Amino acid sequence: MTTQIAITGPESTGKSTLAQDLALHFKAPCFKEYAREYIASLDIKYVYDDVLQIAERMIEERHKILDIRNQKS
């Protein structure tokens, strides 16, 4: 059984650093946050549909990384 950890919280609180450190410690993949990049690319304030886009992209990236990792093992 695989354990997955999701880290949430406000900006600039060390979530990315913690995620990278956990990934190194457990020799596991770390999934890059996509929300900040997506929102920065918008010319308008983000709305609920944007949150769905972010979630879908994060799920796609997660599947890609896990598929690649599973092919190597």
PDB file of N, CA and C in Angstrom:
ATOM      1  N   MET A   1       0.846  -1.183   0.000  1.00  0.00           N
ATOM      2  CA  MET A   1       0.000   0.000   0.000  1.00  0.00           C
ATOM      3  C   MET A   1       0.889   1.243   0.000  1.00  0.00           C
ATOM      4  N   THR A   2       0.554   2.188  -0.838  1.00  0.00           N
ATOM      5  CA  THR A   2       1.315   3.422  -0.951  1.00  0.00           C
ATOM      6  C   THR A   2       0.673   4.504  -0.103  1.00  0.00           C
ATOM      7  N   THR A   3       1.489   5.204   0.646  1.00  0.00           N
ATOM      8  CA  THR A   3       1.012   6.337   1.425  1.00  0.00           C
ATOM      9  C   THR A   3       1.254   7.605   0.642  1.00  0.00           C
ATOM     10  N   GLN A   4       0.254   8.462   0.608  1.00  0.00           N
ATOM     11  CA  GLN A   4       0.391   9.742  -0.071  1.00  0.00           C
ATOM     12  C   GLN A   4       0.158  10.851   0.945  1.00  0.00           C
ATOM     13  N   ILE A   5       0.905  11.924   0.793  1.00  0.00           N
ATOM     14  CA  ILE A   5       0.805  13.059   1.707  1.00  0.00           C
ATOM     15  C   ILE A   5       0.455  14.296   0.897  1.00  0.00           C
ATOM     16  N   ALA A   6      -0.570  15.009   1.326  1.00  0.00           N
ATOM     17  CA  ALA A   6      -0.925  16.287   0.701  1.00  0.00           C
ATOM     18  C   ALA A   6      -0.658  17.376   1.729  1.00  0.00           C
ATOM     19  N   ILE A   7       0.036  18.411   1.297  1.00  0.00           N
ATOM     20  CA  ILE A   7       0.364  19.518   2.192  1.00  0.00           C
ATOM     21  C   ILE A   7      -0.377  20.749   1.697  1.00  0.00           C
ATOM     22  N   THR A   8      -1.166  21.334   2.557  1.00  0.00           N
ATOM     23  CA  THR A   8      -1.925  22.526   2.194  1.00  0.00           C
ATOM     24  C   THR A   8      -1.640  23.645   3.178  1.00  0.00           C
ATOM     25  N   GLY A   9      -1.918  24.859   2.757  1.00  0.00           N
ATOM     26  CA  GLY A   9      -1.724  25.995   3.644  1.00  0.00           C
ATOM     27  C   GLY A   9      -1.495  27.265   2.854  1.00  0.00           C
ATOM     28  N   PRO A  10      -1.388  28.369   3.545  1.00  0.00           N
ATOM     29  CA  PRO A  10      -1.207  29.659   2.881  1.00  0.00           C
ATOM     30  C   PRO A  10       0.177  29.773   2.226  1.00  0.00           C
ATOM     31  N   GLU A  11       0.316  30.781   1.387  1.00  0.00           N
ATOM     32  CA  GLU A  11       1.575  31.023   0.672  1.00  0.00           C
ATOM     33  C   GLU A  11       2.729  31.292   1.634  1.00  0.00           C
ATOM     34  N   SER A  12       3.908  30.937   1.175  1.00  0.00           N
ATOM     35  CA  SER A  12       5.169  31.261   1.858  1.00  0.00           C
ATOM     36  C   SER A  12       5.250  30.743   3.286  1.00  0.00           C
ATOM     37  N   THR A  13       4.788  29.509   3.478  1.00  0.00           N
ATOM     38  CA  THR A  13       4.894  28.912   4.810  1.00  0.00           C
ATOM     39  C   THR A  13       5.805  27.691   4.831  1.00  0.00           C
ATOM     40  N   GLY A  14       6.473  27.408   3.685  1.00  0.00           N
ATOM     41  CA  GLY A  14       7.434  26.321   3.650  1.00  0.00           C
ATOM     42  C   GLY A  14       6.887  24.996   3.155  1.00  0.00           C
ATOM     43  N   LYS A  15       5.718  25.015   2.535  1.00  0.00           N
ATOM     44  CA  LYS A  15       5.120  23.764   2.059  1.00  0.00           C
ATOM     45  C   LYS A  15       5.984  23.079   1.002  1.00  0.00           C
ATOM     46  N   SER A  16       6.493  23.837   0.058  1.00  0.00           N
ATOM     47  CA  SER A  16       7.311  23.244  -1.015  1.00  0.00           C
ATOM     48  C   SER A  16       8.596  22.649  -0.457  1.00  0.00           C
ATOM     49  N   THR A  17       9.218  23.353   0.456  1.00  0.00           N
ATOM     50  CA  THR A  17      10.441  22.847   1.083  1.00  0.00           C
ATOM     51  C   THR A  17      10.151  21.576   1.871  1.00  0.00           C
ATOM     52  N   LEU A  18       9.078  21.584   2.632  1.00  0.00           N
ATOM     53  CA  LEU A  18       8.689  20.397   3.395  1.00  0.00           C
ATOM     54  C   LEU A  18       8.412  19.228   2.458  1.00  0.00           C
ATOM     55  N   ALA A  19       7.694  19.473   1.366  1.00  0.00           N
ATOM     56  CA  ALA A  19       7.374  18.410   0.408  1.00  0.00           C
ATOM     57  C   ALA A  19       8.647  17.819  -0.192  1.00  0.00           C
ATOM     58  N   GLN A  20       9.591  18.671  -0.572  1.00  0.00           N
ATOM     59  CA  GLN A  20      10.858  18.191  -1.135  1.00  0.00           C
ATOM     60  C   GLN A  20      11.647  17.383  -0.115  1.00  0.00           C
ATOM     61  N   ASP A  21      11.677  17.868   1.113  1.00  0.00           N
ATOM     62  CA  ASP A  21      12.400  17.147   2.168  1.00  0.00           C
ATOM     63  C   ASP A  21      11.768  15.780   2.441  1.00  0.00           C
ATOM     64  N   LEU A  22      10.442  15.730   2.472  1.00  0.00           N
ATOM     65  CA  LEU A  22       9.753  14.453   2.682  1.00  0.00           C
ATOM     66  C   LEU A  22      10.020  13.489   1.525  1.00  0.00           C
ATOM     67  N   ALA A  23       9.992  14.019   0.303  1.00  0.00           N
ATOM     68  CA  ALA A  23      10.248  13.181  -0.860  1.00  0.00           C
ATOM     69  C   ALA A  23      11.660  12.586  -0.807  1.00  0.00           C
ATOM     70  N   LEU A  24      12.632  13.401  -0.447  1.00  0.00           N
ATOM     71  CA  LEU A  24      14.002  12.898  -0.313  1.00  0.00           C
ATOM     72  C   LEU A  24      14.097  11.850   0.784  1.00  0.00           C
ATOM     73  N   HIS A  25      13.506  12.130   1.917  1.00  0.00           N
ATOM     74  CA  HIS A  25      13.575  11.210   3.048  1.00  0.00           C
ATOM     75  C   HIS A  25      12.955   9.855   2.714  1.00  0.00           C
ATOM     76  N   PHE A  26      11.795   9.880   2.071  1.00  0.00           N
ATOM     77  CA  PHE A  26      11.080   8.640   1.772  1.00  0.00           C
ATOM     78  C   PHE A  26      11.388   8.083   0.381  1.00  0.00           C
ATOM     79  N   LYS A  27      12.327   8.738  -0.332  1.00  0.00           N
ATOM     80  CA  LYS A  27      12.698   8.313  -1.694  1.00  0.00           C
ATOM     81  C   LYS A  27      11.438   8.167  -2.550  1.00  0.00           C
ATOM     82  N   ALA A  28      10.641   9.229  -2.559  1.00  0.00           N
ATOM     83  CA  ALA A  28       9.356   9.251  -3.254  1.00  0.00           C
ATOM     84  C   ALA A  28       9.289  10.473  -4.169  1.00  0.00           C
ATOM     85  N   PRO A  29       8.388  10.442  -5.139  1.00  0.00           N
ATOM     86  CA  PRO A  29       8.250  11.613  -6.018  1.00  0.00           C
ATOM     87  C   PRO A  29       7.619  12.789  -5.280  1.00  0.00           C
ATOM     88  N   CYS A  30       7.945  13.964  -5.754  1.00  0.00           N
ATOM     89  CA  CYS A  30       7.361  15.196  -5.215  1.00  0.00           C
ATOM     90  C   CYS A  30       6.681  15.902  -6.376  1.00  0.00           C
ATOM     91  N   PHE A  31       5.444  16.270  -6.196  1.00  0.00           N
ATOM     92  CA  PHE A  31       4.676  16.895  -7.257  1.00  0.00           C
ATOM     93  C   PHE A  31       4.687  18.397  -7.088  1.00  0.00           C
ATOM     94  N   LYS A  32       5.146  19.075  -8.128  1.00  0.00           N
ATOM     95  CA  LYS A  32       5.245  20.528  -8.105  1.00  0.00           C
ATOM     96  C   LYS A  32       3.857  21.166  -8.039  1.00  0.00           C
ATOM     97  N   GLU A  33       3.761  22.208  -7.259  1.00  0.00           N
ATOM     98  CA  GLU A  33       2.516  22.972  -7.171  1.00  0.00           C
ATOM     99  C   GLU A  33       2.278  23.681  -8.499  1.00  0.00           C
ATOM    100  N   TYR A  34       1.053  23.665  -8.945  1.00  0.00           N
ATOM    101  CA  TYR A  34       0.720  24.278 -10.223  1.00  0.00           C
ATOM    102  C   TYR A  34      -0.142  25.525 -10.063  1.00  0.00           C
ATOM    103  N   ALA A  35      -0.805  25.686  -8.936  1.00  0.00           N
ATOM    104  CA  ALA A  35      -1.762  26.781  -8.744  1.00  0.00           C
ATOM    105  C   ALA A  35      -1.129  28.152  -8.932  1.00  0.00           C
ATOM    106  N   ARG A  36      -0.001  28.385  -8.323  1.00  0.00           N
ATOM    107  CA  ARG A  36       0.631  29.708  -8.405  1.00  0.00           C
ATOM    108  C   ARG A  36       0.975  30.065  -9.849  1.00  0.00           C
ATOM    109  N   GLU A  37       1.540  29.098 -10.569  1.00  0.00           N
ATOM    110  CA  GLU A  37       1.895  29.316 -11.975  1.00  0.00           C
ATOM    111  C   GLU A  37       0.642  29.614 -12.809  1.00  0.00           C
ATOM    112  N   TYR A  38      -0.412  28.852 -12.582  1.00  0.00           N
ATOM    113  CA  TYR A  38      -1.653  29.031 -13.346  1.00  0.00           C
ATOM    114  C   TYR A  38      -2.275  30.398 -13.066  1.00  0.00           C
ATOM    115  N   ILE A  39      -2.407  30.743 -11.799  1.00  0.00           N
ATOM    116  CA  ILE A  39      -3.042  32.006 -11.429  1.00  0.00           C
ATOM    117  C   ILE A  39      -2.229  33.198 -11.920  1.00  0.00           C
ATOM    118  N   ALA A  40      -0.907  33.079 -11.894  1.00  0.00           N
ATOM    119  CA  ALA A  40      -0.056  34.169 -12.377  1.00  0.00           C
ATOM    120  C   ALA A  40      -0.236  34.407 -13.876  1.00  0.00           C
ATOM    121  N   SER A  41      -0.674  33.367 -14.596  1.00  0.00           N
ATOM    122  CA  SER A  41      -0.843  33.504 -16.043  1.00  0.00           C
ATOM    123  C   SER A  41      -2.184  34.142 -16.423  1.00  0.00           C
ATOM    124  N   LEU A  42      -3.074  34.326 -15.471  1.00  0.00           N
ATOM    125  CA  LEU A  42      -4.394  34.898 -15.757  1.00  0.00           C
ATOM    126  C   LEU A  42      -4.331  36.424 -15.819  1.00  0.00           C
ATOM    127  N   ASP A  43      -5.159  36.999 -16.671  1.00  0.00           N
ATOM    128  CA  ASP A  43      -5.266  38.456 -16.744  1.00  0.00           C
ATOM    129  C   ASP A  43      -6.388  38.981 -15.858  1.00  0.00           C
ATOM    130  N   ILE A  44      -7.167  38.053 -15.313  1.00  0.00           N
ATOM    131  CA  ILE A  44      -8.305  38.423 -14.461  1.00  0.00           C
ATOM    132  C   ILE A  44      -8.225  37.625 -13.162  1.00  0.00           C
ATOM    133  N   LYS A  45      -9.072  37.963 -12.206  1.00  0.00           N
ATOM    134  CA  LYS A  45      -9.121  37.227 -10.953  1.00  0.00           C
ATOM    135  C   LYS A  45      -9.622  35.803 -11.222  1.00  0.00           C
ATOM    136  N   TYR A  46      -9.059  34.832 -10.531  1.00  0.00           N
ATOM    137  CA  TYR A  46      -9.465  33.462 -10.783  1.00  0.00           C
ATOM    138  C   TYR A  46     -10.840  33.171 -10.190  1.00  0.00           C
ATOM    139  N   VAL A  47     -11.513  32.180 -10.802  1.00  0.00           N
ATOM    140  CA  VAL A  47     -12.855  31.774 -10.387  1.00  0.00           C
ATOM    141  C   VAL A  47     -12.852  30.273 -10.134  1.00  0.00           C
ATOM    142  N   TYR A  48     -13.992  29.752  -9.695  1.00  0.00           N
ATOM    143  CA  TYR A  48     -14.098  28.336  -9.342  1.00  0.00           C
ATOM    144  C   TYR A  48     -13.655  27.420 -10.478  1.00  0.00           C
ATOM    145  N   ASP A  49     -14.023  27.742 -11.714  1.00  0.00           N
ATOM    146  CA  ASP A  49     -13.609  26.901 -12.845  1.00  0.00           C
ATOM    147  C   ASP A  49     -12.088  26.819 -12.959  1.00  0.00           C
ATOM    148  N   ASP A  50     -11.406  27.870 -12.571  1.00  0.00           N
ATOM    149  CA  ASP A  50      -9.938  27.838 -12.577  1.00  0.00           C
ATOM    150  C   ASP A  50      -9.415  26.848 -11.542  1.00  0.00           C
ATOM    151  N   VAL A  51     -10.072  26.791 -10.401  1.00  0.00           N
ATOM    152  CA  VAL A  51      -9.667  25.830  -9.361  1.00  0.00           C
ATOM    153  C   VAL A  51      -9.805  24.408  -9.900  1.00  0.00           C
ATOM    154  N   LEU A  52     -10.871  24.162 -10.657  1.00  0.00           N
ATOM    155  CA  LEU A  52     -11.042  22.840 -11.266  1.00  0.00           C
ATOM    156  C   LEU A  52      -9.933  22.547 -12.263  1.00  0.00           C
ATOM    157  N   GLN A  53      -9.564  23.540 -13.063  1.00  0.00           N
ATOM    158  CA  GLN A  53      -8.460  23.371 -14.023  1.00  0.00           C
ATOM    159  C   GLN A  53      -7.156  23.023 -13.302  1.00  0.00           C
ATOM    160  N   ILE A  54      -6.914  23.718 -12.209  1.00  0.00           N
ATOM    161  CA  ILE A  54      -5.698  23.467 -11.425  1.00  0.00           C
ATOM    162  C   ILE A  54      -5.703  22.037 -10.896  1.00  0.00           C
ATOM    163  N   ALA A  55      -6.825  21.616 -10.331  1.00  0.00           N
ATOM    164  CA  ALA A  55      -6.938  20.263  -9.779  1.00  0.00           C
ATOM    165  C   ALA A  55      -6.741  19.212 -10.866  1.00  0.00           C
ATOM    166  N   GLU A  56      -7.356  19.421 -12.018  1.00  0.00           N
ATOM    167  CA  GLU A  56      -7.213  18.462 -13.112  1.00  0.00           C
ATOM    168  C   GLU A  56      -5.765  18.360 -13.573  1.00  0.00           C
ATOM    169  N   ARG A  57      -5.085  19.481 -13.666  1.00  0.00           N
ATOM    170  CA  ARG A  57      -3.675  19.486 -14.084  1.00  0.00           C
ATOM    171  C   ARG A  57      -2.801  18.774 -13.045  1.00  0.00           C
ATOM    172  N   MET A  58      -3.069  19.030 -11.780  1.00  0.00           N
ATOM    173  CA  MET A  58      -2.296  18.371 -10.724  1.00  0.00           C
ATOM    174  C   MET A  58      -2.496  16.849 -10.782  1.00  0.00           C
ATOM    175  N   ILE A  59      -3.720  16.409 -11.025  1.00  0.00           N
ATOM    176  CA  ILE A  59      -4.002  14.973 -11.121  1.00  0.00           C
ATOM    177  C   ILE A  59      -3.281  14.380 -12.332  1.00  0.00           C
ATOM    178  N   GLU A  60      -3.313  15.069 -13.471  1.00  0.00           N
ATOM    179  CA  GLU A  60      -2.607  14.597 -14.666  1.00  0.00           C
ATOM    180  C   GLU A  60      -1.110  14.446 -14.404  1.00  0.00           C
ATOM    181  N   GLU A  61      -0.524  15.463 -13.794  1.00  0.00           N
ATOM    182  CA  GLU A  61       0.913  15.424 -13.508  1.00  0.00           C
ATOM    183  C   GLU A  61       1.248  14.279 -12.558  1.00  0.00           C
ATOM    184  N   ARG A  62       0.406  14.086 -11.561  1.00  0.00           N
ATOM    185  CA  ARG A  62       0.611  13.004 -10.601  1.00  0.00           C
ATOM    186  C   ARG A  62       0.600  11.653 -11.315  1.00  0.00           C
ATOM    187  N   HIS A  63      -0.380  11.457 -12.183  1.00  0.00           N
ATOM    188  CA  HIS A  63      -0.471  10.192 -12.920  1.00  0.00           C
ATOM    189  C   HIS A  63       0.744   9.990 -13.822  1.00  0.00           C
ATOM    190  N   LYS A  64       1.194  11.042 -14.503  1.00  0.00           N
ATOM    191  CA  LYS A  64       2.370  10.923 -15.369  1.00  0.00           C
ATOM    192  C   LYS A  64       3.586  10.468 -14.580  1.00  0.00           C
ATOM    193  N   ILE A  65       3.835  11.129 -13.466  1.00  0.00           N
ATOM    194  CA  ILE A  65       5.015  10.801 -12.653  1.00  0.00           C
ATOM    195  C   ILE A  65       4.911   9.399 -12.093  1.00  0.00           C
ATOM    196  N   LEU A  66       3.747   9.025 -11.592  1.00  0.00           N
ATOM    197  CA  LEU A  66       3.590   7.681 -11.026  1.00  0.00           C
ATOM    198  C   LEU A  66       3.681   6.616 -12.111  1.00  0.00           C
ATOM    199  N   ASP A  67       3.152   6.876 -13.301  1.00  0.00           N
ATOM    200  CA  ASP A  67       3.257   5.918 -14.396  1.00  0.00           C
ATOM    201  C   ASP A  67       4.708   5.705 -14.790  1.00  0.00           C
ATOM    202  N   ILE A  68       5.466   6.796 -14.895  1.00  0.00           N
ATOM    203  CA  ILE A  68       6.887   6.698 -15.242  1.00  0.00           C
ATOM    204  C   ILE A  68       7.635   5.923 -14.159  1.00  0.00           C
ATOM    205  N   ARG A  69       7.322   6.242 -12.924  1.00  0.00           N
ATOM    206  CA  ARG A  69       7.992   5.567 -11.799  1.00  0.00           C
ATOM    207  C   ARG A  69       7.663   4.072 -11.793  1.00  0.00           C
ATOM    208  N   ASN A  70       6.427   3.713 -12.067  1.00  0.00           N
ATOM    209  CA  ASN A  70       6.026   2.303 -12.086  1.00  0.00           C
ATOM    210  C   ASN A  70       6.669   1.546 -13.245  1.00  0.00           C
ATOM    211  N   GLN A  71       6.891   2.214 -14.379  1.00  0.00           N
ATOM    212  CA  GLN A  71       7.523   1.570 -15.521  1.00  0.00           C
ATOM    213  C   GLN A  71       8.983   1.240 -15.222  1.00  0.00           C
ATOM    214  N   LYS A  72       9.626   2.052 -14.381  1.00  0.00           N
ATOM    215  CA  LYS A  72      11.038   1.844 -14.038  1.00  0.00           C
ATOM    216  C   LYS A  72      11.216   0.699 -13.052  1.00  0.00           C
ATOM    217  N   SER A  73      10.174   0.395 -12.272  1.00  0.00           N
ATOM    218  CA  SER A  73      10.349  -0.658 -11.255  1.00  0.00           C
ATOM    219  C   SER A  73       9.904  -2.012 -11.718  1.00  0.00           C
TER     220      SER A  73
END
